[in-house]
């Protein structure tokens, strides 16, 4: 192992018997292995595990009929062995949230091309007259931080993807603890929409609402109050360098 971003190959792809992950932190690799979505904070690990100056690459082969669940287990065992990881699970209780449709109904436009390919997003996207980034043709999301908050443009996104990619990470960051979010909207399509909300870096000077309130721009609401049990994965020990093959 040496140092990835998006994995190439693996279960469900055109190259199911081989997967390559390039330049990822040990924390990132573990999140992939335990199928933890970005931002949900279920992995408790030492800060050095997320050090971008200490990244690794991984290439693994497997039977072509390997399932995603089997692949995750293989990756868990590989990382535990190579980094001599010791971990344990803890069930902790956190306040959870439901994403529901607000009175008046959703304010989402159905995507004209729900099967569209991924958009190729420029590193410095162009902006429209309202301050939102312009997304090139295709499916995707791009967001920029302005002087008064974050402006995000989405195309061909499902509600589930919105929850995983943006709502859970941002609400978790705002609350400081894991914030499970369940989709109770009943919306099953793919949509195009825009969203603006305050950025942590902007702080109190932002004129935009927190994401917790900003979802009302989409005709949605986050309703809290339930208590949910969350399976936390706690890293007790890990080596900073992997043992050799």
C-alpha atoms as a PDB file:
ATOM      1  CA  UNK A   1       0.000   0.000   0.000  1.00  0.00           C
ATOM      2  CA  UNK A   2       1.209   3.483  -0.692  1.00  0.00           C
ATOM      3  CA  UNK A   3      -1.303   6.489  -1.095  1.00  0.00           C
ATOM      4  CA  UNK A   4      -6.655   7.674  -3.832  1.00  0.00           C
ATOM      5  CA  UNK A   5      -9.860   9.349  -4.387  1.00  0.00           C
ATOM      6  CA  UNK A   6     -12.680   7.701  -6.257  1.00  0.00           C
ATOM      7  CA  UNK A   7     -12.216   3.929  -6.489  1.00  0.00           C
ATOM      8  CA  UNK A   8     -11.949   2.339  -9.909  1.00  0.00           C
ATOM      9  CA  UNK A   9     -13.413  -1.095 -10.560  1.00  0.00           C
ATOM     10  CA  UNK A  10     -14.882  -3.482  -8.039  1.00  0.00           C
ATOM     11  CA  UNK A  11     -18.382  -4.921  -7.510  1.00  0.00           C
ATOM     12  CA  UNK A  12     -21.030  -3.434  -9.761  1.00  0.00           C
ATOM     13  CA  UNK A  13     -18.569  -2.004 -12.302  1.00  0.00           C
ATOM     14  CA  UNK A  14     -17.242  -3.157 -15.682  1.00  0.00           C
ATOM     15  CA  UNK A  15     -14.132  -4.472 -13.886  1.00  0.00           C
ATOM     16  CA  UNK A  16     -15.640  -6.348 -10.902  1.00  0.00           C
ATOM     17  CA  UNK A  17     -12.553  -8.451 -10.133  1.00  0.00           C
ATOM     18  CA  UNK A  18     -10.159  -5.597  -9.449  1.00  0.00           C
ATOM     19  CA  UNK A  19     -10.465  -2.391  -7.443  1.00  0.00           C
ATOM     20  CA  UNK A  20      -8.003   0.501  -7.186  1.00  0.00           C
ATOM     21  CA  UNK A  21      -8.184   3.300  -4.610  1.00  0.00           C
ATOM     22  CA  UNK A  22      -5.635   6.082  -5.050  1.00  0.00           C
ATOM     23  CA  UNK A  23      -4.460   8.598  -2.457  1.00  0.00           C
ATOM     24  CA  UNK A  24      -6.794   8.277   0.491  1.00  0.00           C
ATOM     25  CA  UNK A  25      -6.168   8.690   4.206  1.00  0.00           C
ATOM     26  CA  UNK A  26      -6.399   5.724   6.547  1.00  0.00           C
ATOM     27  CA  UNK A  27      -9.599   7.209   7.943  1.00  0.00           C
ATOM     28  CA  UNK A  28     -10.977   7.471   4.407  1.00  0.00           C
ATOM     29  CA  UNK A  29     -10.097   3.848   3.677  1.00  0.00           C
ATOM     30  CA  UNK A  30     -11.751   2.715   6.897  1.00  0.00           C
ATOM     31  CA  UNK A  31     -14.897   4.684   6.071  1.00  0.00           C
ATOM     32  CA  UNK A  32     -15.037   2.904   2.721  1.00  0.00           C
ATOM     33  CA  UNK A  33     -14.463  -0.453   4.397  1.00  0.00           C
ATOM     34  CA  UNK A  34     -17.280   0.050   6.913  1.00  0.00           C
ATOM     35  CA  UNK A  35     -19.518   1.761   4.316  1.00  0.00           C
ATOM     36  CA  UNK A  36     -19.725   4.966   6.353  1.00  0.00           C
ATOM     37  CA  UNK A  37     -21.037   7.927   4.375  1.00  0.00           C
ATOM     38  CA  UNK A  38     -19.010  11.168   4.385  1.00  0.00           C
ATOM     39  CA  UNK A  39     -19.844  13.400   7.324  1.00  0.00           C
ATOM     40  CA  UNK A  40     -21.898  11.056   9.499  1.00  0.00           C
ATOM     41  CA  UNK A  41     -19.154  10.869  12.171  1.00  0.00           C
ATOM     42  CA  UNK A  42     -19.646   7.222  13.128  1.00  0.00           C
ATOM     43  CA  UNK A  43     -15.901   6.593  13.077  1.00  0.00           C
ATOM     44  CA  UNK A  44     -13.928   7.816  16.081  1.00  0.00           C
ATOM     45  CA  UNK A  45     -10.225   7.833  15.226  1.00  0.00           C
ATOM     46  CA  UNK A  46      -6.979   9.648  16.102  1.00  0.00           C
ATOM     47  CA  UNK A  47      -6.443  12.925  14.177  1.00  0.00           C
ATOM     48  CA  UNK A  48      -3.390  11.580  12.347  1.00  0.00           C
ATOM     49  CA  UNK A  49      -5.596   9.100  10.488  1.00  0.00           C
ATOM     50  CA  UNK A  50      -7.073  12.007   8.532  1.00  0.00           C
ATOM     51  CA  UNK A  51      -3.723  13.647   7.729  1.00  0.00           C
ATOM     52  CA  UNK A  52      -3.592  14.445   3.993  1.00  0.00           C
ATOM     53  CA  UNK A  53       0.200  14.271   4.200  1.00  0.00           C
ATOM     54  CA  UNK A  54      -0.047  10.580   5.064  1.00  0.00           C
ATOM     55  CA  UNK A  55      -2.118   8.987   2.293  1.00  0.00           C
ATOM     56  CA  UNK A  56      -2.259   5.500   0.843  1.00  0.00           C
ATOM     57  CA  UNK A  57      -3.126   3.668  -2.367  1.00  0.00           C
ATOM     58  CA  UNK A  58      -4.646   0.233  -2.615  1.00  0.00           C
ATOM     59  CA  UNK A  59      -5.100  -2.275  -5.426  1.00  0.00           C
ATOM     60  CA  UNK A  60      -6.939  -5.533  -4.706  1.00  0.00           C
ATOM     61  CA  UNK A  61      -8.204  -8.438  -6.768  1.00  0.00           C
ATOM     62  CA  UNK A  62     -11.226 -10.599  -5.956  1.00  0.00           C
ATOM     63  CA  UNK A  63     -13.606 -13.049  -7.618  1.00  0.00           C
ATOM     64  CA  UNK A  64     -15.722 -11.323 -10.257  1.00  0.00           C
ATOM     65  CA  UNK A  65     -18.932 -12.338  -8.439  1.00  0.00           C
ATOM     66  CA  UNK A  66     -17.916 -10.657  -5.151  1.00  0.00           C
ATOM     67  CA  UNK A  67     -20.784  -8.630  -3.657  1.00  0.00           C
ATOM     68  CA  UNK A  68     -20.452  -5.138  -2.178  1.00  0.00           C
ATOM     69  CA  UNK A  69     -20.963  -6.560   1.310  1.00  0.00           C
ATOM     70  CA  UNK A  70     -18.239  -9.160   0.756  1.00  0.00           C
ATOM     71  CA  UNK A  71     -15.895  -6.507  -0.641  1.00  0.00           C
ATOM     72  CA  UNK A  72     -16.405  -4.296   2.416  1.00  0.00           C
ATOM     73  CA  UNK A  73     -15.585  -7.207   4.707  1.00  0.00           C
ATOM     74  CA  UNK A  74     -12.454  -8.033   2.670  1.00  0.00           C
ATOM     75  CA  UNK A  75     -11.303  -4.407   2.899  1.00  0.00           C
ATOM     76  CA  UNK A  76     -11.954  -4.323   6.636  1.00  0.00           C
ATOM     77  CA  UNK A  77      -9.850  -7.447   7.188  1.00  0.00           C
ATOM     78  CA  UNK A  78      -7.067  -6.152   4.942  1.00  0.00           C
ATOM     79  CA  UNK A  79      -6.783  -2.811   6.734  1.00  0.00           C
ATOM     80  CA  UNK A  80      -7.009  -4.381  10.190  1.00  0.00           C
ATOM     81  CA  UNK A  81      -4.208  -6.799   9.310  1.00  0.00           C
ATOM     82  CA  UNK A  82      -1.888  -4.371   7.528  1.00  0.00           C
ATOM     83  CA  UNK A  83      -2.218  -1.524  10.038  1.00  0.00           C
ATOM     84  CA  UNK A  84      -2.585  -3.810  13.082  1.00  0.00           C
ATOM     85  CA  UNK A  85      -5.813  -2.062  13.975  1.00  0.00           C
ATOM     86  CA  UNK A  86      -7.670  -2.718  17.194  1.00  0.00           C
ATOM     87  CA  UNK A  87     -11.207  -1.366  17.390  1.00  0.00           C
ATOM     88  CA  UNK A  88     -14.483  -1.811  19.177  1.00  0.00           C
ATOM     89  CA  UNK A  89     -18.137  -0.879  18.628  1.00  0.00           C
ATOM     90  CA  UNK A  90     -20.185   1.321  20.947  1.00  0.00           C
ATOM     91  CA  UNK A  91     -23.913   1.942  20.727  1.00  0.00           C
ATOM     92  CA  UNK A  92     -24.576   5.602  21.524  1.00  0.00           C
ATOM     93  CA  UNK A  93     -27.810   7.556  21.571  1.00  0.00           C
ATOM     94  CA  UNK A  94     -28.180  10.701  19.472  1.00  0.00           C
ATOM     95  CA  UNK A  95     -31.057  12.899  18.437  1.00  0.00           C
ATOM     96  CA  UNK A  96     -32.187  11.958  14.939  1.00  0.00           C
ATOM     97  CA  UNK A  97     -34.149  13.885  12.333  1.00  0.00           C
ATOM     98  CA  UNK A  98     -36.783  13.220   9.696  1.00  0.00           C
ATOM     99  CA  UNK A  99     -36.751  15.046   6.384  1.00  0.00           C
ATOM    100  CA  UNK A 100     -40.374  15.716   5.459  1.00  0.00           C
ATOM    101  CA  UNK A 101     -42.316  17.761   2.914  1.00  0.00           C
ATOM    102  CA  UNK A 102     -43.240  21.189   4.274  1.00  0.00           C
ATOM    103  CA  UNK A 103     -46.753  22.653   4.083  1.00  0.00           C
ATOM    104  CA  UNK A 104     -47.230  23.948   0.566  1.00  0.00           C
ATOM    105  CA  UNK A 105     -45.406  21.038  -1.038  1.00  0.00           C
ATOM    106  CA  UNK A 106     -41.907  20.517  -2.463  1.00  0.00           C
ATOM    107  CA  UNK A 107     -40.183  23.207  -4.526  1.00  0.00           C
ATOM    108  CA  UNK A 108     -38.147  20.885  -6.727  1.00  0.00           C
ATOM    109  CA  UNK A 109     -37.973  20.578 -10.504  1.00  0.00           C
ATOM    110  CA  UNK A 110     -37.936  17.051 -11.874  1.00  0.00           C
ATOM    111  CA  UNK A 111     -34.805  16.294 -13.847  1.00  0.00           C
ATOM    112  CA  UNK A 112     -35.291  16.250 -17.604  1.00  0.00           C
ATOM    113  CA  UNK A 113     -32.635  13.544 -17.991  1.00  0.00           C
ATOM    114  CA  UNK A 114     -32.732  11.202 -14.943  1.00  0.00           C
ATOM    115  CA  UNK A 115     -30.297   8.789 -16.622  1.00  0.00           C
ATOM    116  CA  UNK A 116     -27.745  11.478 -17.480  1.00  0.00           C
ATOM    117  CA  UNK A 117     -24.006  10.909 -17.122  1.00  0.00           C
ATOM    118  CA  UNK A 118     -21.875  12.676 -14.510  1.00  0.00           C
ATOM    119  CA  UNK A 119     -21.058  16.311 -15.208  1.00  0.00           C
ATOM    120  CA  UNK A 120     -17.440  17.415 -15.583  1.00  0.00           C
ATOM    121  CA  UNK A 121     -17.177  20.259 -13.077  1.00  0.00           C
ATOM    122  CA  UNK A 122     -14.597  23.007 -13.529  1.00  0.00           C
ATOM    123  CA  UNK A 123     -12.254  23.664 -10.617  1.00  0.00           C
ATOM    124  CA  UNK A 124     -13.367  27.300 -10.701  1.00  0.00           C
ATOM    125  CA  UNK A 125     -16.999  27.222 -11.899  1.00  0.00           C
ATOM    126  CA  UNK A 126     -18.688  30.174 -13.543  1.00  0.00           C
ATOM    127  CA  UNK A 127     -21.394  31.926 -11.548  1.00  0.00           C
ATOM    128  CA  UNK A 128     -24.852  33.097 -12.552  1.00  0.00           C
ATOM    129  CA  UNK A 129     -26.356  36.484 -11.725  1.00  0.00           C
ATOM    130  CA  UNK A 130     -27.754  35.171  -8.414  1.00  0.00           C
ATOM    131  CA  UNK A 131     -24.363  33.938  -7.206  1.00  0.00           C
ATOM    132  CA  UNK A 132     -24.977  30.232  -7.836  1.00  0.00           C
ATOM    133  CA  UNK A 133     -22.336  28.125  -9.610  1.00  0.00           C
ATOM    134  CA  UNK A 134     -23.211  27.023 -13.140  1.00  0.00           C
ATOM    135  CA  UNK A 135     -23.153  23.239 -13.460  1.00  0.00           C
ATOM    136  CA  UNK A 136     -22.046  21.826 -16.847  1.00  0.00           C
ATOM    137  CA  UNK A 137     -24.388  19.383 -18.616  1.00  0.00           C
ATOM    138  CA  UNK A 138     -24.897  16.084 -16.788  1.00  0.00           C
ATOM    139  CA  UNK A 139     -25.602  14.848 -13.286  1.00  0.00           C
ATOM    140  CA  UNK A 140     -23.769  16.432 -10.379  1.00  0.00           C
ATOM    141  CA  UNK A 141     -23.471  18.997  -7.627  1.00  0.00           C
ATOM    142  CA  UNK A 142     -21.171  21.978  -7.241  1.00  0.00           C
ATOM    143  CA  UNK A 143     -21.006  24.451  -4.380  1.00  0.00           C
ATOM    144  CA  UNK A 144     -18.983  27.565  -3.705  1.00  0.00           C
ATOM    145  CA  UNK A 145     -18.473  29.662  -0.602  1.00  0.00           C
ATOM    146  CA  UNK A 146     -19.342  33.296  -1.081  1.00  0.00           C
ATOM    147  CA  UNK A 147     -18.870  36.202   1.298  1.00  0.00           C
ATOM    148  CA  UNK A 148     -22.188  35.503   3.015  1.00  0.00           C
ATOM    149  CA  UNK A 149     -22.497  31.721   2.767  1.00  0.00           C
ATOM    150  CA  UNK A 150     -22.485  28.652   0.545  1.00  0.00           C
ATOM    151  CA  UNK A 151     -24.280  28.528  -2.807  1.00  0.00           C
ATOM    152  CA  UNK A 152     -24.939  25.045  -4.259  1.00  0.00           C
ATOM    153  CA  UNK A 153     -26.385  23.846  -7.563  1.00  0.00           C
ATOM    154  CA  UNK A 154     -27.712  20.291  -7.968  1.00  0.00           C
ATOM    155  CA  UNK A 155     -28.772  18.430 -11.092  1.00  0.00           C
ATOM    156  CA  UNK A 156     -30.325  14.981 -11.332  1.00  0.00           C
ATOM    157  CA  UNK A 157     -30.155  14.386  -7.572  1.00  0.00           C
ATOM    158  CA  UNK A 158     -32.361  12.137  -5.475  1.00  0.00           C
ATOM    159  CA  UNK A 159     -33.498  13.044  -1.971  1.00  0.00           C
ATOM    160  CA  UNK A 160     -31.427  10.142  -0.618  1.00  0.00           C
ATOM    161  CA  UNK A 161     -28.311  11.559  -2.277  1.00  0.00           C
ATOM    162  CA  UNK A 162     -29.069  15.039  -0.953  1.00  0.00           C
ATOM    163  CA  UNK A 163     -29.275  13.608   2.573  1.00  0.00           C
ATOM    164  CA  UNK A 164     -26.041  11.633   2.276  1.00  0.00           C
ATOM    165  CA  UNK A 165     -23.930  14.214   0.464  1.00  0.00           C
ATOM    166  CA  UNK A 166     -25.051  17.444   2.109  1.00  0.00           C
ATOM    167  CA  UNK A 167     -27.671  17.300   4.858  1.00  0.00           C
ATOM    168  CA  UNK A 168     -26.082  14.738   7.189  1.00  0.00           C
ATOM    169  CA  UNK A 169     -22.541  16.213   6.970  1.00  0.00           C
ATOM    170  CA  UNK A 170     -23.723  19.807   7.450  1.00  0.00           C
ATOM    171  CA  UNK A 171     -26.230  19.124  10.248  1.00  0.00           C
ATOM    172  CA  UNK A 172     -23.665  16.903  11.980  1.00  0.00           C
ATOM    173  CA  UNK A 173     -21.100  19.704  11.733  1.00  0.00           C
ATOM    174  CA  UNK A 174     -23.619  22.247  13.021  1.00  0.00           C
ATOM    175  CA  UNK A 175     -24.741  20.075  15.941  1.00  0.00           C
ATOM    176  CA  UNK A 176     -21.235  18.728  16.699  1.00  0.00           C
ATOM    177  CA  UNK A 177     -22.467  15.128  17.042  1.00  0.00           C
ATOM    178  CA  UNK A 178     -23.758  12.477  14.605  1.00  0.00           C
ATOM    179  CA  UNK A 179     -27.111  13.531  13.194  1.00  0.00           C
ATOM    180  CA  UNK A 180     -28.982  10.594  11.612  1.00  0.00           C
ATOM    181  CA  UNK A 181     -31.515  11.752   9.006  1.00  0.00           C
ATOM    182  CA  UNK A 182     -34.348   9.605   7.624  1.00  0.00           C
ATOM    183  CA  UNK A 183     -36.072  10.363   4.326  1.00  0.00           C
ATOM    184  CA  UNK A 184     -39.795  10.693   5.096  1.00  0.00           C
ATOM    185  CA  UNK A 185     -40.639  12.821   2.057  1.00  0.00           C
ATOM    186  CA  UNK A 186     -41.989  10.052  -0.162  1.00  0.00           C
ATOM    187  CA  UNK A 187     -40.212  11.746  -3.089  1.00  0.00           C
ATOM    188  CA  UNK A 188     -38.674   9.056  -5.289  1.00  0.00           C
ATOM    189  CA  UNK A 189     -37.645  11.017  -8.387  1.00  0.00           C
ATOM    190  CA  UNK A 190     -34.506  12.856  -9.408  1.00  0.00           C
ATOM    191  CA  UNK A 191     -34.506  16.633  -9.252  1.00  0.00           C
ATOM    192  CA  UNK A 192     -32.728  19.855 -10.212  1.00  0.00           C
ATOM    193  CA  UNK A 193     -32.528  22.547  -7.540  1.00  0.00           C
ATOM    194  CA  UNK A 194     -30.398  25.227  -5.878  1.00  0.00           C
ATOM    195  CA  UNK A 195     -29.715  25.884  -2.212  1.00  0.00           C
ATOM    196  CA  UNK A 196     -27.977  28.601  -0.234  1.00  0.00           C
ATOM    197  CA  UNK A 197     -26.994  28.366   3.422  1.00  0.00           C
ATOM    198  CA  UNK A 198     -24.490  29.708   5.942  1.00  0.00           C
ATOM    199  CA  UNK A 199     -20.926  28.380   6.013  1.00  0.00           C
ATOM    200  CA  UNK A 200     -19.116  27.576   9.278  1.00  0.00           C
ATOM    201  CA  UNK A 201     -16.227  29.751   8.093  1.00  0.00           C
ATOM    202  CA  UNK A 202     -18.548  32.728   7.645  1.00  0.00           C
ATOM    203  CA  UNK A 203     -19.955  32.464  11.161  1.00  0.00           C
ATOM    204  CA  UNK A 204     -22.319  34.987  12.686  1.00  0.00           C
ATOM    205  CA  UNK A 205     -21.859  37.547   9.884  1.00  0.00           C
ATOM    206  CA  UNK A 206     -23.630  35.291   7.361  1.00  0.00           C
ATOM    207  CA  UNK A 207     -26.972  36.539   6.098  1.00  0.00           C
ATOM    208  CA  UNK A 208     -27.983  33.001   5.097  1.00  0.00           C
ATOM    209  CA  UNK A 209     -29.802  30.435   7.266  1.00  0.00           C
ATOM    210  CA  UNK A 210     -28.114  27.316   8.570  1.00  0.00           C
ATOM    211  CA  UNK A 211     -28.671  24.260   6.398  1.00  0.00           C
ATOM    212  CA  UNK A 212     -31.058  23.002   9.088  1.00  0.00           C
ATOM    213  CA  UNK A 213     -33.408  25.865   8.102  1.00  0.00           C
ATOM    214  CA  UNK A 214     -32.251  26.292   4.510  1.00  0.00           C
ATOM    215  CA  UNK A 215     -33.951  23.086   3.330  1.00  0.00           C
ATOM    216  CA  UNK A 216     -37.201  25.064   3.563  1.00  0.00           C
ATOM    217  CA  UNK A 217     -36.067  26.692   0.284  1.00  0.00           C
ATOM    218  CA  UNK A 218     -36.813  23.294  -1.283  1.00  0.00           C
ATOM    219  CA  UNK A 219     -40.227  22.960   0.347  1.00  0.00           C
ATOM    220  CA  UNK A 220     -38.801  20.496   2.876  1.00  0.00           C
ATOM    221  CA  UNK A 221     -38.363  20.481   6.656  1.00  0.00           C
ATOM    222  CA  UNK A 222     -36.081  18.764   9.144  1.00  0.00           C
ATOM    223  CA  UNK A 223     -38.104  17.558  12.114  1.00  0.00           C
ATOM    224  CA  UNK A 224     -36.263  16.302  15.190  1.00  0.00           C
ATOM    225  CA  UNK A 225     -37.025  14.850  18.547  1.00  0.00           C
ATOM    226  CA  UNK A 226     -36.540  11.097  18.261  1.00  0.00           C
ATOM    227  CA  UNK A 227     -33.600   9.356  19.890  1.00  0.00           C
ATOM    228  CA  UNK A 228     -31.688   6.857  17.742  1.00  0.00           C
ATOM    229  CA  UNK A 229     -29.093   4.257  18.579  1.00  0.00           C
ATOM    230  CA  UNK A 230     -25.972   4.728  16.453  1.00  0.00           C
ATOM    231  CA  UNK A 231     -23.264   2.079  16.048  1.00  0.00           C
ATOM    232  CA  UNK A 232     -20.017   3.989  16.644  1.00  0.00           C
ATOM    233  CA  UNK A 233     -16.723   2.441  15.523  1.00  0.00           C
ATOM    234  CA  UNK A 234     -13.880   3.411  17.857  1.00  0.00           C
ATOM    235  CA  UNK A 235     -10.254   2.928  16.803  1.00  0.00           C
ATOM    236  CA  UNK A 236      -8.206   1.934  19.859  1.00  0.00           C
ATOM    237  CA  UNK A 237      -4.886   1.415  18.066  1.00  0.00           C
ATOM    238  CA  UNK A 238      -3.376   1.515  14.581  1.00  0.00           C
ATOM    239  CA  UNK A 239       0.114   1.654  13.138  1.00  0.00           C
ATOM    240  CA  UNK A 240       0.963   4.713  11.064  1.00  0.00           C
ATOM    241  CA  UNK A 241       2.592   2.586   8.366  1.00  0.00           C
ATOM    242  CA  UNK A 242       1.270  -0.716   6.987  1.00  0.00           C
ATOM    243  CA  UNK A 243       3.194  -3.930   7.210  1.00  0.00           C
ATOM    244  CA  UNK A 244       4.386  -5.233   3.860  1.00  0.00           C
ATOM    245  CA  UNK A 245       2.520  -7.730   1.689  1.00  0.00           C
END
